[in-house]
Amino acid sequence: MPRTLSVKDPNLIAAVARLQRTQQLWGALMIGLGIVTEFAATSAHPIAGLALIAVGLLAFRWAEPALLATIATVIAFSIVPTINPRLTILGPDPLRQIADLSLIELTALVVGKGLIVLTTANQFFVYRFLYGTARASSEDPNLALIPAMVPNRTNGLARAARWMGLISLVLALVGAGFLLVAPDAFQTQVLAEAGGTLAVVAIGLGLGCAFSPTDERLPALASLGLGLLGYLAAAIVLLRLPG
């Protein structure tokens, strides 16, 4: 039977400290990016940076590895409005709003965001072991087990993500209804952006929970499906808006 490492193991304690510093750094950057996005978007996109700020606050407050996957997902989806300004889910890209970027500068911006996605995703796959590895499968039966070093909130996060995914789909479909009867109405765009924003967070939380030790893997996977449907519906509405 494999032995279990002590919760006082200095390497594990150091790993928890690194996780906290890492998430506080990413949390501060997400909050800052969200604030910049809100200011750059002005009143035309009232919820532009809210997802960035909300995820940043959670990451800054909690040592929760699943949130690293959520950060990676949000940044990945933020590449979409960088490439296509009409898809303003998560708001228009603030740099594209502030400056007229050349093709090289635009490519560098996309590559920079891609590197952030790869970095945070890799950190998630490393730090998720701090949830504990008692339930993990391993090819080495004698590999020492890691005890739970951080609180595991994935059950609640998975259920919340499922509700977010469902609400995102409803908002996007209501936005589609507005598109049919009042395509020029401001509410059409806001509903689509709200639905798409919730969808991105639902997808991110769902991914983080699904690849972590959780008792709620089915809700986590459901949030992925609902979130993807909500995002696609919201994107279709925004692409069909006049102008």
Protein backbone atom coordinates (compact mmCIF):
# COMPACT_ATOMS: atom_id res chain seq x y z
CA MET A 1 0.00 0.00 0.00
CA PRO A 2 1.50 3.40 -0.98
CA ARG A 3 2.42 5.74 1.84
CA THR A 4 0.85 9.17 2.21
CA LEU A 5 3.09 12.19 2.50
CA SER A 6 2.77 14.34 5.61
CA VAL A 7 0.80 17.58 5.39
CA LYS A 8 3.86 19.13 7.06
CA ASP A 9 6.15 18.08 4.23
CA PRO A 10 8.21 21.20 3.44
CA ASN A 11 7.96 20.66 -0.32
CA LEU A 12 4.16 20.52 -0.17
CA ILE A 13 3.98 23.56 2.08
CA ALA A 14 6.22 25.44 -0.36
CA ALA A 15 3.99 24.34 -3.26
CA VAL A 16 0.90 25.72 -1.50
CA ALA A 17 2.70 29.02 -0.94
CA ARG A 18 3.68 29.15 -4.62
CA LEU A 19 0.09 28.42 -5.62
CA GLN A 20 -1.16 31.30 -3.47
CA ARG A 21 1.39 33.72 -4.91
CA THR A 22 0.68 32.53 -8.45
CA GLN A 23 -3.07 32.95 -8.11
CA GLN A 24 -2.74 36.35 -6.45
CA LEU A 25 -0.56 37.48 -9.35
CA TRP A 26 -2.98 36.20 -11.98
CA GLY A 27 -5.92 37.53 -9.96
CA ALA A 28 -4.42 41.03 -9.85
CA LEU A 29 -3.67 40.91 -13.59
CA MET A 30 -7.21 39.73 -14.39
CA ILE A 31 -8.74 42.48 -12.25
CA GLY A 32 -6.52 45.09 -13.90
CA LEU A 33 -7.35 43.82 -17.39
CA GLY A 34 -11.05 43.79 -16.53
CA ILE A 35 -10.95 47.41 -15.33
CA VAL A 36 -9.05 48.51 -18.46
CA THR A 37 -11.57 46.63 -20.62
CA GLU A 38 -14.49 48.35 -18.85
CA PHE A 39 -13.00 51.80 -19.41
CA ALA A 40 -12.08 51.07 -23.04
CA ALA A 41 -15.52 49.64 -23.82
CA THR A 42 -17.40 52.63 -22.30
CA SER A 43 -21.19 52.45 -22.01
CA ALA A 44 -21.53 50.66 -25.35
CA HIS A 45 -20.54 47.38 -23.66
CA PRO A 46 -21.56 47.71 -19.99
CA ILE A 47 -20.51 44.21 -18.88
CA ALA A 48 -17.31 43.98 -20.93
CA GLY A 49 -14.79 43.37 -18.15
CA LEU A 50 -17.01 41.89 -15.44
CA ALA A 51 -16.03 38.27 -16.08
CA LEU A 52 -12.34 39.17 -15.90
CA ILE A 53 -12.84 41.06 -12.65
CA ALA A 54 -15.00 38.34 -11.07
CA VAL A 55 -12.61 35.50 -11.90
CA GLY A 56 -9.68 37.68 -10.82
CA LEU A 57 -11.27 38.37 -7.44
CA LEU A 58 -11.91 34.66 -6.84
CA ALA A 59 -8.35 33.76 -7.84
CA PHE A 60 -6.93 36.50 -5.61
CA ARG A 61 -9.02 35.34 -2.64
CA TRP A 62 -8.89 31.53 -2.96
CA ALA A 63 -6.01 29.09 -3.39
CA GLU A 64 -8.16 27.05 -5.78
CA PRO A 65 -6.29 25.25 -8.59
CA ALA A 66 -9.48 24.90 -10.65
CA LEU A 67 -9.52 28.68 -11.07
CA LEU A 68 -6.25 28.49 -13.01
CA ALA A 69 -8.13 26.53 -15.68
CA THR A 70 -10.85 29.18 -15.59
CA ILE A 71 -8.28 31.96 -16.11
CA ALA A 72 -6.79 30.04 -19.04
CA THR A 73 -10.25 29.65 -20.59
CA VAL A 74 -11.23 33.30 -20.17
CA ILE A 75 -7.97 34.52 -21.71
CA ALA A 76 -8.34 32.00 -24.55
CA PHE A 77 -11.83 33.27 -25.38
CA SER A 78 -10.62 36.88 -25.11
CA ILE A 79 -8.55 36.18 -28.21
CA VAL A 80 -11.78 36.01 -30.24
CA PRO A 81 -12.65 39.76 -30.02
CA THR A 82 -8.98 40.53 -30.65
CA ILE A 83 -9.27 38.79 -34.02
CA ASN A 84 -12.89 39.65 -34.81
CA PRO A 85 -14.04 42.96 -33.23
CA ARG A 86 -17.70 42.15 -33.92
CA LEU A 87 -17.63 39.27 -31.43
CA THR A 88 -17.62 41.46 -28.34
CA ILE A 89 -18.20 38.67 -25.83
CA LEU A 90 -15.91 39.59 -22.90
CA GLY A 91 -15.89 43.06 -24.43
CA PRO A 92 -13.89 44.57 -27.27
CA ASP A 93 -10.13 44.19 -26.96
CA PRO A 94 -8.92 47.32 -25.11
CA LEU A 95 -5.70 47.59 -27.11
CA ARG A 96 -7.63 47.51 -30.37
CA GLN A 97 -9.88 50.22 -28.95
CA ILE A 98 -7.00 52.43 -27.88
CA ALA A 99 -4.58 51.98 -30.80
CA ASP A 100 -4.69 51.11 -34.48
CA LEU A 101 -2.63 47.92 -34.39
CA SER A 102 -0.67 46.71 -37.37
CA LEU A 103 -0.85 43.07 -38.44
CA ILE A 104 2.45 42.34 -36.69
CA GLU A 105 1.29 44.01 -33.45
CA LEU A 106 -2.03 42.17 -33.62
CA THR A 107 -0.22 38.87 -34.13
CA ALA A 108 2.06 39.61 -31.19
CA LEU A 109 -0.98 40.35 -29.01
CA VAL A 110 -2.64 37.05 -29.95
CA VAL A 111 0.62 35.15 -29.34
CA GLY A 112 1.01 36.87 -25.96
CA LYS A 113 -2.48 35.82 -24.90
CA GLY A 114 -1.78 32.31 -26.16
CA LEU A 115 1.32 32.11 -23.98
CA ILE A 116 -0.75 33.15 -20.96
CA VAL A 117 -3.23 30.39 -21.77
CA LEU A 118 -0.47 27.77 -22.02
CA THR A 119 1.19 28.98 -18.81
CA THR A 120 -1.95 28.99 -16.67
CA ALA A 121 -3.15 25.67 -18.12
CA ASN A 122 0.20 24.07 -17.30
CA GLN A 123 0.08 25.51 -13.78
CA PHE A 124 -3.40 24.06 -13.33
CA PHE A 125 -2.29 20.56 -14.29
CA VAL A 126 0.59 20.80 -11.78
CA TYR A 127 -1.18 22.44 -8.84
CA ARG A 128 -4.36 20.34 -9.06
CA PHE A 129 -2.38 17.58 -7.27
CA LEU A 130 -2.61 19.76 -4.14
CA TYR A 131 -6.25 18.68 -3.95
CA GLY A 132 -4.79 15.28 -3.00
CA THR A 133 -4.05 12.21 -5.10
CA ALA A 134 -5.82 9.50 -3.10
CA ARG A 135 -8.45 9.20 -5.87
CA ALA A 136 -6.01 9.48 -8.76
CA SER A 137 -5.00 6.48 -10.84
CA SER A 138 -1.29 5.78 -11.27
CA GLU A 139 0.81 3.24 -13.12
CA ASP A 140 3.11 3.02 -10.08
CA PRO A 141 1.21 1.44 -7.16
CA ASN A 142 4.01 2.43 -4.76
CA LEU A 143 3.96 6.12 -5.66
CA ALA A 144 3.50 8.19 -2.51
CA LEU A 145 0.10 9.86 -2.16
CA ILE A 146 -0.24 13.60 -1.75
CA PRO A 147 -2.68 14.60 1.02
CA ALA A 148 -5.27 17.33 0.50
CA MET A 149 -3.28 20.54 0.94
CA VAL A 150 -5.90 23.06 -0.19
CA PRO A 151 -9.69 23.19 0.26
CA ASN A 152 -11.53 21.45 -2.55
CA ARG A 153 -14.49 23.60 -3.61
CA THR A 154 -14.99 21.87 -6.95
CA ASN A 155 -18.35 20.32 -5.98
CA GLY A 156 -19.91 23.74 -5.41
CA LEU A 157 -18.09 25.30 -8.35
CA ALA A 158 -19.28 22.55 -10.70
CA ARG A 159 -22.90 23.05 -9.67
CA ALA A 160 -22.55 26.82 -10.00
CA ALA A 161 -20.98 26.38 -13.44
CA ARG A 162 -23.90 24.24 -14.57
CA TRP A 163 -26.35 26.99 -13.56
CA MET A 164 -24.18 29.59 -15.30
CA GLY A 165 -24.18 27.51 -18.47
CA LEU A 166 -27.96 27.15 -18.37
CA ILE A 167 -28.52 30.87 -17.71
CA SER A 168 -26.07 31.76 -20.46
CA LEU A 169 -28.02 29.71 -22.97
CA VAL A 170 -31.31 31.27 -21.88
CA LEU A 171 -29.90 34.81 -22.16
CA ALA A 172 -28.43 34.10 -25.59
CA LEU A 173 -31.73 32.64 -26.82
CA VAL A 174 -33.64 35.66 -25.50
CA GLY A 175 -31.11 37.80 -27.35
CA ALA A 176 -31.87 35.79 -30.49
CA GLY A 177 -35.56 36.53 -29.96
CA PHE A 178 -34.80 40.24 -29.71
CA LEU A 179 -32.73 39.93 -32.90
CA LEU A 180 -35.84 38.79 -34.74
CA VAL A 181 -38.20 41.48 -33.45
CA ALA A 182 -35.87 44.38 -32.56
CA PRO A 183 -32.41 43.91 -34.09
CA ASP A 184 -31.46 47.55 -33.45
CA ALA A 185 -32.39 47.45 -29.76
CA PHE A 186 -29.50 47.89 -27.32
CA GLN A 187 -30.88 44.99 -25.28
CA THR A 188 -30.14 42.58 -28.12
CA GLN A 189 -26.42 43.18 -27.89
CA VAL A 190 -26.36 43.28 -24.07
CA LEU A 191 -28.25 39.99 -23.76
CA ALA A 192 -25.91 38.30 -26.23
CA GLU A 193 -22.81 39.63 -24.47
CA ALA A 194 -24.15 38.67 -21.04
CA GLY A 195 -25.01 35.17 -22.24
CA GLY A 196 -21.63 34.72 -23.91
CA THR A 197 -19.75 36.04 -20.88
CA LEU A 198 -21.52 33.65 -18.51
CA ALA A 199 -20.90 30.85 -20.99
CA VAL A 200 -17.13 31.46 -20.98
CA VAL A 201 -16.98 31.39 -17.17
CA ALA A 202 -19.13 28.24 -17.11
CA ILE A 203 -16.80 26.53 -19.58
CA GLY A 204 -13.73 27.55 -17.59
CA LEU A 205 -15.11 26.39 -14.24
CA GLY A 206 -16.40 23.20 -15.84
CA LEU A 207 -12.99 22.37 -17.25
CA GLY A 208 -11.27 23.12 -13.96
CA CYS A 209 -13.68 20.93 -11.99
CA ALA A 210 -13.85 18.09 -14.54
CA PHE A 211 -10.08 17.62 -14.46
CA SER A 212 -9.88 17.83 -10.66
CA PRO A 213 -10.95 15.32 -7.99
CA THR A 214 -14.66 16.06 -7.61
CA ASP A 215 -17.92 14.32 -6.82
CA GLU A 216 -19.75 16.50 -9.33
CA ARG A 217 -18.11 15.58 -12.62
CA LEU A 218 -21.47 15.25 -14.39
CA PRO A 219 -22.51 18.85 -13.58
CA ALA A 220 -19.02 19.97 -14.59
CA LEU A 221 -19.37 18.27 -17.97
CA ALA A 222 -22.93 19.61 -18.32
CA SER A 223 -21.60 23.13 -17.81
CA LEU A 224 -19.22 22.59 -20.72
CA GLY A 225 -22.02 21.57 -23.06
CA LEU A 226 -24.42 24.29 -21.94
CA GLY A 227 -21.66 26.90 -22.00
CA LEU A 228 -20.59 26.01 -25.53
CA LEU A 229 -24.20 26.18 -26.74
CA GLY A 230 -24.68 29.52 -24.97
CA TYR A 231 -21.49 30.93 -26.47
CA LEU A 232 -22.37 29.79 -30.00
CA ALA A 233 -25.88 31.24 -29.72
CA ALA A 234 -24.50 34.55 -28.41
CA ALA A 235 -21.87 34.69 -31.16
CA ILE A 236 -24.50 34.13 -33.85
CA VAL A 237 -26.60 36.98 -32.45
CA LEU A 238 -23.65 39.39 -32.40
CA LEU A 239 -22.57 38.47 -35.91
CA ARG A 240 -26.09 39.09 -37.23
CA LEU A 241 -26.48 42.50 -35.59
CA PRO A 242 -26.84 45.27 -38.19
CA GLY A 243 -23.75 47.39 -38.75
